[in-house]
Amino acid sequence: MADFTLPRTADGRNQAYNACLNGVYTINTVINYPSDANFKMTDEEKKAKVSRTVSYLKKQKTFTDWTDEDFTAIDKAIADADAFTGD
């Protein structure tokens, strides 16, 4: 995972926020598609992918330089991922 230097620029925050939204998409897609759909992953592979993705989201949430970004979908994805992986 990248080691960010704070404070991040507005562009850096925007890139990180967009990466978080991509993570939300990944988590939602992996959780909501059955193993025999597009992803062709076992349940353990799905849990590992979700776990890796949610760790990025959780790390990003620790940064204190966010401004007016909406974390509603990100917070829901974190909760859904934790429920899915059992964390």
Protein backbone atom coordinates (compact mmCIF):
# COMPACT_ATOMS: atom_id res chain seq x y z
CA MET A 1 0.00 0.00 0.00
CA ALA A 2 1.27 3.47 -0.82
CA ASP A 3 2.65 5.58 1.99
CA PHE A 4 0.96 8.95 1.68
CA THR A 5 2.60 12.11 2.91
CA LEU A 6 0.17 14.49 4.58
CA PRO A 7 -1.13 16.91 3.78
CA ARG A 8 -2.18 15.54 0.44
CA THR A 9 -3.00 17.87 -2.39
CA ALA A 10 -6.60 18.27 -3.48
CA ASP A 11 -5.74 16.11 -6.49
CA GLY A 12 -4.21 13.47 -4.22
CA ARG A 13 -7.34 13.39 -2.04
CA ASN A 14 -9.52 13.18 -5.14
CA GLN A 15 -7.51 10.26 -6.50
CA ALA A 16 -7.68 8.46 -3.15
CA TYR A 17 -11.44 9.10 -2.88
CA ASN A 18 -12.02 7.73 -6.38
CA ALA A 19 -9.93 4.68 -5.48
CA CYS A 20 -12.18 4.22 -2.44
CA LEU A 21 -15.27 4.35 -4.64
CA ASN A 22 -13.67 1.74 -6.90
CA GLY A 23 -13.15 -0.36 -3.77
CA VAL A 24 -16.83 0.02 -2.91
CA TYR A 25 -17.70 -1.26 -6.39
CA THR A 26 -15.33 -4.21 -6.00
CA ILE A 27 -16.71 -5.17 -2.60
CA ASN A 28 -20.32 -4.88 -3.72
CA THR A 29 -19.69 -6.85 -6.90
CA VAL A 30 -17.77 -9.67 -5.25
CA ILE A 31 -20.28 -10.03 -2.41
CA ASN A 32 -23.38 -9.83 -4.57
CA TYR A 33 -22.43 -12.09 -7.46
CA PRO A 34 -22.56 -15.84 -6.94
CA SER A 35 -19.36 -17.83 -7.38
CA ASP A 36 -20.51 -19.13 -10.76
CA ALA A 37 -21.06 -15.63 -12.19
CA ASN A 38 -18.48 -13.28 -13.69
CA PHE A 39 -15.80 -13.70 -11.04
CA LYS A 40 -15.37 -17.51 -11.00
CA MET A 41 -13.86 -17.37 -7.50
CA THR A 42 -14.23 -19.75 -4.61
CA ASP A 43 -15.75 -18.42 -1.41
CA GLU A 44 -12.28 -18.22 0.14
CA GLU A 45 -10.94 -16.28 -2.85
CA LYS A 46 -13.88 -13.89 -2.62
CA LYS A 47 -13.26 -13.34 1.10
CA ALA A 48 -9.57 -12.69 0.46
CA LYS A 49 -10.34 -10.15 -2.28
CA VAL A 50 -12.91 -8.36 -0.11
CA SER A 51 -10.51 -8.38 2.86
CA ARG A 52 -7.72 -6.78 0.80
CA THR A 53 -10.07 -4.16 -0.56
CA VAL A 54 -11.63 -3.23 2.77
CA SER A 55 -8.20 -2.82 4.35
CA TYR A 56 -7.52 -0.03 1.84
CA LEU A 57 -10.82 1.67 2.68
CA LYS A 58 -10.13 1.45 6.41
CA LYS A 59 -6.63 2.90 5.95
CA GLN A 60 -8.00 5.81 3.92
CA LYS A 61 -10.57 6.55 6.64
CA THR A 62 -7.72 7.16 9.12
CA PHE A 63 -6.46 10.19 7.20
CA THR A 64 -7.55 13.49 8.71
CA ASP A 65 -7.20 15.69 5.65
CA TRP A 66 -10.53 14.83 4.04
CA THR A 67 -12.75 17.80 3.33
CA ASP A 68 -16.37 17.40 2.21
CA GLU A 69 -16.23 13.91 0.69
CA ASP A 70 -19.30 11.74 1.29
CA PHE A 71 -18.28 8.51 3.01
CA THR A 72 -21.78 6.99 3.21
CA ALA A 73 -21.18 4.35 0.51
CA ILE A 74 -17.67 3.70 1.79
CA ASP A 75 -18.88 3.18 5.36
CA LYS A 76 -21.58 0.79 4.14
CA ALA A 77 -19.06 -1.16 2.06
CA ILE A 78 -16.79 -1.48 5.10
CA ALA A 79 -19.67 -2.80 7.22
CA ASP A 80 -20.78 -5.18 4.46
CA ALA A 81 -17.21 -6.41 3.93
CA ASP A 82 -16.70 -7.02 7.64
CA ALA A 83 -19.95 -8.99 7.80
CA PHE A 84 -18.98 -10.98 4.71
CA THR A 85 -15.49 -11.84 5.95
CA GLY A 86 -16.47 -12.30 9.59
CA ASP A 87 -14.23 -9.49 10.85
